[in-house]
Amino acid sequence: MTLIYKIVPKSLWRASEAAGVFGGAPVDLADGFIHFSTAEQTRETAQKHFRGQMDLLLVAVAAEDLGDALKWEVSRGGALFPHLHAPLPVSTARSIAGIPIASDGSHDFSGLLP
């Protein structure tokens, strides 16, 4: 099983839980797909796009659960990133955890990522 990760504001995820589906954050909607990261990419994604943001969740999903709508596409630095070209059923989340933030604005992924 290959876990991929989505960093999402808690309020947005909670609203999606009520609806049963996560349609994406504003950046996902603008780009036409839901951005995910591998375990190795998640820290850099947080640093680049979420630094200083509080009340974030780390949602883990098994790539295999997403079928053909998941595409591995070249992105930052030429690396392949998982992009979901469909809404995400919240029932596919394998784990959901709050991401602690340090006083310097960085996020602490201790115990959250392999």
N, C-alpha and C. Protein backbone atom coordinates (compact mmCIF):
# COMPACT_ATOMS: atom_id res chain seq x y z
N MET A 1 0.85 -1.19 0.00
CA MET A 1 0.00 0.00 0.00
C MET A 1 0.89 1.25 0.00
N THR A 2 0.55 2.18 -0.84
CA THR A 2 1.26 3.45 -0.95
C THR A 2 0.39 4.56 -0.38
N LEU A 3 0.80 5.12 0.77
CA LEU A 3 0.04 6.22 1.33
C LEU A 3 0.49 7.54 0.71
N ILE A 4 -0.49 8.37 0.39
CA ILE A 4 -0.23 9.73 -0.07
C ILE A 4 -0.96 10.67 0.90
N TYR A 5 -0.55 11.94 0.91
CA TYR A 5 -0.99 12.84 1.96
C TYR A 5 -1.53 14.15 1.40
N LYS A 6 -2.58 14.64 2.07
CA LYS A 6 -3.18 15.93 1.75
C LYS A 6 -3.16 16.78 3.01
N ILE A 7 -2.58 17.97 2.92
CA ILE A 7 -2.64 18.94 4.00
C ILE A 7 -3.84 19.82 3.72
N VAL A 8 -4.73 19.93 4.70
CA VAL A 8 -5.99 20.64 4.46
C VAL A 8 -6.41 21.39 5.73
N PRO A 9 -6.94 22.59 5.59
CA PRO A 9 -7.47 23.30 6.76
C PRO A 9 -8.56 22.47 7.43
N LYS A 10 -8.52 22.44 8.75
CA LYS A 10 -9.47 21.63 9.52
C LYS A 10 -10.92 21.97 9.17
N SER A 11 -11.24 23.25 9.06
CA SER A 11 -12.63 23.65 8.79
C SER A 11 -13.10 23.13 7.43
N LEU A 12 -12.23 23.14 6.45
CA LEU A 12 -12.58 22.66 5.12
C LEU A 12 -12.81 21.15 5.13
N TRP A 13 -11.95 20.42 5.85
CA TRP A 13 -12.11 18.96 5.92
C TRP A 13 -13.39 18.61 6.68
N ARG A 14 -13.67 19.30 7.78
CA ARG A 14 -14.87 19.01 8.57
C ARG A 14 -16.13 19.25 7.73
N ALA A 15 -16.14 20.29 6.93
CA ALA A 15 -17.28 20.54 6.04
C ALA A 15 -17.40 19.42 5.00
N SER A 16 -16.27 18.93 4.53
CA SER A 16 -16.27 17.84 3.56
C SER A 16 -16.77 16.55 4.18
N GLU A 17 -16.44 16.33 5.44
CA GLU A 17 -16.94 15.13 6.14
C GLU A 17 -18.47 15.15 6.18
N ALA A 18 -19.02 16.32 6.44
CA ALA A 18 -20.48 16.44 6.49
C ALA A 18 -21.09 16.14 5.12
N ALA A 19 -20.39 16.54 4.06
CA ALA A 19 -20.88 16.33 2.69
C ALA A 19 -20.55 14.94 2.15
N GLY A 20 -19.56 14.28 2.78
CA GLY A 20 -19.15 12.95 2.32
C GLY A 20 -18.08 12.96 1.25
N VAL A 21 -17.71 14.17 0.76
CA VAL A 21 -16.73 14.26 -0.31
C VAL A 21 -15.93 15.55 -0.15
N PHE A 22 -14.63 15.45 -0.45
CA PHE A 22 -13.74 16.60 -0.45
C PHE A 22 -13.51 16.99 -1.90
N GLY A 23 -13.99 18.19 -2.25
CA GLY A 23 -13.86 18.64 -3.64
C GLY A 23 -12.55 19.35 -3.91
N GLY A 24 -11.83 19.71 -2.85
CA GLY A 24 -10.54 20.37 -2.99
C GLY A 24 -10.51 21.71 -2.30
N ALA A 25 -9.30 22.15 -2.02
CA ALA A 25 -9.05 23.48 -1.48
C ALA A 25 -9.06 24.46 -2.65
N PRO A 26 -9.06 25.77 -2.38
CA PRO A 26 -9.07 26.73 -3.49
C PRO A 26 -7.99 26.49 -4.54
N VAL A 27 -6.77 26.15 -4.14
CA VAL A 27 -5.70 25.90 -5.12
C VAL A 27 -6.02 24.67 -5.97
N ASP A 28 -6.64 23.66 -5.36
CA ASP A 28 -7.02 22.46 -6.11
C ASP A 28 -8.09 22.80 -7.16
N LEU A 29 -9.07 23.58 -6.73
CA LEU A 29 -10.14 23.96 -7.65
C LEU A 29 -9.59 24.79 -8.81
N ALA A 30 -8.65 25.67 -8.51
CA ALA A 30 -8.05 26.50 -9.56
C ALA A 30 -7.24 25.66 -10.55
N ASP A 31 -6.55 24.62 -10.04
CA ASP A 31 -5.70 23.80 -10.89
C ASP A 31 -6.45 22.65 -11.56
N GLY A 32 -7.64 22.33 -11.09
CA GLY A 32 -8.43 21.28 -11.71
C GLY A 32 -8.15 19.88 -11.21
N PHE A 33 -7.43 19.76 -10.10
CA PHE A 33 -7.17 18.46 -9.48
C PHE A 33 -6.79 18.69 -8.02
N ILE A 34 -6.88 17.62 -7.23
CA ILE A 34 -6.51 17.70 -5.82
C ILE A 34 -5.05 17.32 -5.68
N HIS A 35 -4.28 18.24 -5.11
CA HIS A 35 -2.85 18.03 -4.89
C HIS A 35 -2.62 17.11 -3.70
N PHE A 36 -1.80 16.10 -3.88
CA PHE A 36 -1.33 15.24 -2.80
C PHE A 36 0.19 15.26 -2.82
N SER A 37 0.79 14.75 -1.76
CA SER A 37 2.25 14.59 -1.67
C SER A 37 2.55 13.20 -1.15
N THR A 38 3.72 12.70 -1.49
CA THR A 38 4.20 11.47 -0.87
C THR A 38 4.72 11.81 0.52
N ALA A 39 5.04 10.81 1.30
CA ALA A 39 5.60 11.05 2.64
C ALA A 39 6.86 11.89 2.53
N GLU A 40 7.68 11.61 1.53
CA GLU A 40 8.93 12.33 1.35
C GLU A 40 8.72 13.78 0.92
N GLN A 41 7.62 14.09 0.28
CA GLN A 41 7.34 15.43 -0.25
C GLN A 41 6.54 16.30 0.72
N THR A 42 5.92 15.70 1.71
CA THR A 42 4.97 16.42 2.56
C THR A 42 5.59 17.56 3.35
N ARG A 43 6.75 17.34 3.94
CA ARG A 43 7.39 18.40 4.73
C ARG A 43 7.70 19.63 3.87
N GLU A 44 8.22 19.41 2.68
CA GLU A 44 8.53 20.52 1.78
C GLU A 44 7.25 21.23 1.32
N THR A 45 6.21 20.46 1.06
CA THR A 45 4.92 21.05 0.69
C THR A 45 4.41 21.96 1.81
N ALA A 46 4.50 21.49 3.04
CA ALA A 46 4.06 22.29 4.19
C ALA A 46 4.88 23.56 4.30
N GLN A 47 6.18 23.45 4.14
CA GLN A 47 7.07 24.60 4.23
C GLN A 47 6.77 25.63 3.14
N LYS A 48 6.55 25.14 1.95
CA LYS A 48 6.36 26.03 0.80
C LYS A 48 4.97 26.68 0.76
N HIS A 49 3.93 25.92 1.13
CA HIS A 49 2.56 26.39 0.92
C HIS A 49 1.75 26.68 2.20
N PHE A 50 2.24 26.19 3.36
CA PHE A 50 1.42 26.29 4.57
C PHE A 50 2.16 26.88 5.76
N ARG A 51 3.35 27.38 5.58
CA ARG A 51 4.15 27.88 6.70
C ARG A 51 3.35 28.89 7.52
N GLY A 52 3.35 28.67 8.83
CA GLY A 52 2.68 29.57 9.76
C GLY A 52 1.18 29.35 9.89
N GLN A 53 0.60 28.49 9.07
CA GLN A 53 -0.84 28.25 9.15
C GLN A 53 -1.15 27.25 10.25
N MET A 54 -2.13 27.59 11.03
CA MET A 54 -2.57 26.72 12.12
C MET A 54 -3.83 25.98 11.71
N ASP A 55 -4.25 25.05 12.56
CA ASP A 55 -5.48 24.29 12.35
C ASP A 55 -5.49 23.54 11.03
N LEU A 56 -4.35 22.88 10.76
CA LEU A 56 -4.25 22.04 9.56
C LEU A 56 -4.36 20.57 9.95
N LEU A 57 -4.87 19.79 9.03
CA LEU A 57 -4.94 18.34 9.19
C LEU A 57 -4.09 17.68 8.13
N LEU A 58 -3.55 16.52 8.49
CA LEU A 58 -2.85 15.67 7.53
C LEU A 58 -3.74 14.46 7.29
N VAL A 59 -4.22 14.35 6.06
CA VAL A 59 -5.11 13.27 5.67
C VAL A 59 -4.30 12.28 4.84
N ALA A 60 -4.28 11.03 5.28
CA ALA A 60 -3.57 9.97 4.56
C ALA A 60 -4.57 9.12 3.80
N VAL A 61 -4.24 8.83 2.55
CA VAL A 61 -5.10 8.05 1.67
C VAL A 61 -4.22 7.01 0.97
N ALA A 62 -4.73 5.81 0.78
CA ALA A 62 -4.00 4.80 0.00
C ALA A 62 -4.19 5.11 -1.48
N ALA A 63 -3.07 5.29 -2.17
CA ALA A 63 -3.13 5.61 -3.59
C ALA A 63 -3.96 4.57 -4.36
N GLU A 64 -3.85 3.33 -3.96
CA GLU A 64 -4.54 2.25 -4.66
C GLU A 64 -6.06 2.37 -4.55
N ASP A 65 -6.55 3.10 -3.54
CA ASP A 65 -8.00 3.27 -3.37
C ASP A 65 -8.60 4.28 -4.34
N LEU A 66 -7.76 5.01 -5.05
CA LEU A 66 -8.25 6.13 -5.87
C LEU A 66 -8.42 5.79 -7.35
N GLY A 67 -7.97 4.63 -7.76
CA GLY A 67 -8.20 4.18 -9.13
C GLY A 67 -7.52 5.03 -10.18
N ASP A 68 -8.11 5.04 -11.36
CA ASP A 68 -7.53 5.72 -12.52
C ASP A 68 -7.57 7.24 -12.43
N ALA A 69 -8.33 7.78 -11.49
CA ALA A 69 -8.40 9.24 -11.34
C ALA A 69 -7.12 9.81 -10.74
N LEU A 70 -6.29 8.95 -10.14
CA LEU A 70 -5.02 9.40 -9.57
C LEU A 70 -3.94 9.32 -10.65
N LYS A 71 -3.32 10.45 -10.89
CA LYS A 71 -2.25 10.54 -11.89
C LYS A 71 -0.97 11.00 -11.19
N TRP A 72 0.14 10.41 -11.55
CA TRP A 72 1.45 10.84 -11.05
C TRP A 72 2.04 11.76 -12.11
N GLU A 73 2.14 13.05 -11.76
CA GLU A 73 2.51 14.06 -12.74
C GLU A 73 3.72 14.86 -12.28
N VAL A 74 4.51 15.27 -13.24
CA VAL A 74 5.72 16.05 -12.95
C VAL A 74 5.31 17.40 -12.38
N SER A 75 5.97 17.77 -11.30
CA SER A 75 5.70 19.06 -10.65
C SER A 75 7.01 19.61 -10.12
N ARG A 76 7.00 20.14 -8.93
CA ARG A 76 8.13 20.82 -8.32
C ARG A 76 9.45 20.05 -8.50
N GLY A 77 10.41 20.71 -9.10
CA GLY A 77 11.73 20.13 -9.25
C GLY A 77 11.78 18.90 -10.14
N GLY A 78 10.76 18.70 -10.96
CA GLY A 78 10.73 17.55 -11.84
C GLY A 78 10.26 16.26 -11.17
N ALA A 79 9.89 16.34 -9.89
CA ALA A 79 9.43 15.15 -9.16
C ALA A 79 8.00 14.80 -9.56
N LEU A 80 7.67 13.53 -9.46
CA LEU A 80 6.31 13.07 -9.71
C LEU A 80 5.48 13.27 -8.44
N PHE A 81 4.37 13.96 -8.58
CA PHE A 81 3.45 14.19 -7.47
C PHE A 81 2.12 13.52 -7.79
N PRO A 82 1.44 12.99 -6.78
CA PRO A 82 0.12 12.41 -6.99
C PRO A 82 -0.95 13.50 -7.07
N HIS A 83 -1.73 13.48 -8.14
CA HIS A 83 -2.80 14.44 -8.37
C HIS A 83 -4.09 13.66 -8.62
N LEU A 84 -5.12 13.99 -7.87
CA LEU A 84 -6.40 13.31 -8.03
C LEU A 84 -7.32 14.16 -8.90
N HIS A 85 -7.70 13.60 -10.04
CA HIS A 85 -8.55 14.29 -11.00
C HIS A 85 -10.02 13.88 -10.81
N ALA A 86 -10.47 13.98 -9.56
CA ALA A 86 -11.85 13.65 -9.18
C ALA A 86 -12.03 14.11 -7.74
N PRO A 87 -13.26 14.25 -7.28
CA PRO A 87 -13.48 14.52 -5.87
C PRO A 87 -13.00 13.34 -5.02
N LEU A 88 -12.61 13.62 -3.80
CA LEU A 88 -12.11 12.59 -2.89
C LEU A 88 -13.21 12.18 -1.92
N PRO A 89 -13.68 10.94 -1.98
CA PRO A 89 -14.64 10.48 -0.97
C PRO A 89 -13.94 10.48 0.40
N VAL A 90 -14.53 11.13 1.39
CA VAL A 90 -13.87 11.22 2.69
C VAL A 90 -13.71 9.83 3.32
N SER A 91 -14.50 8.89 2.90
CA SER A 91 -14.40 7.52 3.43
C SER A 91 -13.09 6.84 3.05
N THR A 92 -12.35 7.39 2.08
CA THR A 92 -11.07 6.79 1.69
C THR A 92 -9.93 7.18 2.62
N ALA A 93 -10.15 8.13 3.52
CA ALA A 93 -9.09 8.56 4.44
C ALA A 93 -8.71 7.40 5.36
N ARG A 94 -7.43 7.06 5.36
CA ARG A 94 -6.91 6.01 6.24
C ARG A 94 -6.59 6.56 7.62
N SER A 95 -6.19 7.83 7.67
CA SER A 95 -5.96 8.50 8.95
C SER A 95 -6.11 10.01 8.74
N ILE A 96 -6.46 10.67 9.83
CA ILE A 96 -6.61 12.12 9.85
C ILE A 96 -6.02 12.59 11.16
N ALA A 97 -5.05 13.50 11.08
CA ALA A 97 -4.39 13.96 12.31
C ALA A 97 -4.09 15.45 12.21
N GLY A 98 -4.20 16.12 13.35
CA GLY A 98 -3.80 17.52 13.42
C GLY A 98 -2.30 17.65 13.27
N ILE A 99 -1.86 18.73 12.66
CA ILE A 99 -0.43 18.97 12.46
C ILE A 99 0.00 20.07 13.43
N PRO A 100 0.80 19.73 14.43
CA PRO A 100 1.27 20.76 15.37
C PRO A 100 2.18 21.77 14.66
N ILE A 101 2.16 23.00 15.18
CA ILE A 101 2.99 24.05 14.61
C ILE A 101 3.96 24.54 15.68
N ALA A 102 5.19 24.76 15.27
CA ALA A 102 6.23 25.25 16.18
C ALA A 102 6.20 26.78 16.22
N SER A 103 6.90 27.35 17.18
CA SER A 103 6.92 28.80 17.34
C SER A 103 7.53 29.51 16.13
N ASP A 104 8.36 28.80 15.35
CA ASP A 104 8.97 29.42 14.16
C ASP A 104 8.08 29.30 12.92
N GLY A 105 6.88 28.75 13.08
CA GLY A 105 5.95 28.64 11.97
C GLY A 105 6.06 27.35 11.18
N SER A 106 7.03 26.51 11.52
CA SER A 106 7.16 25.23 10.83
C SER A 106 6.20 24.21 11.44
N HIS A 107 5.91 23.18 10.69
CA HIS A 107 5.00 22.14 11.16
C HIS A 107 5.78 20.92 11.61
N ASP A 108 5.28 20.28 12.66
CA ASP A 108 5.96 19.12 13.26
C ASP A 108 5.23 17.85 12.82
N PHE A 109 5.89 17.09 11.98
CA PHE A 109 5.31 15.86 11.47
C PHE A 109 5.77 14.61 12.23
N SER A 110 6.38 14.82 13.39
CA SER A 110 6.84 13.69 14.21
C SER A 110 5.66 12.76 14.52
N GLY A 111 5.84 11.51 14.20
CA GLY A 111 4.81 10.52 14.45
C GLY A 111 3.67 10.51 13.43
N LEU A 112 3.68 11.45 12.50
CA LEU A 112 2.61 11.51 11.50
C LEU A 112 3.00 10.88 10.16
N LEU A 113 4.30 10.89 9.87
CA LEU A 113 4.80 10.35 8.61
C LEU A 113 5.77 9.22 8.89
N PRO A 114 5.83 8.26 7.97
CA PRO A 114 6.78 7.16 8.17
C PRO A 114 8.22 7.65 8.07
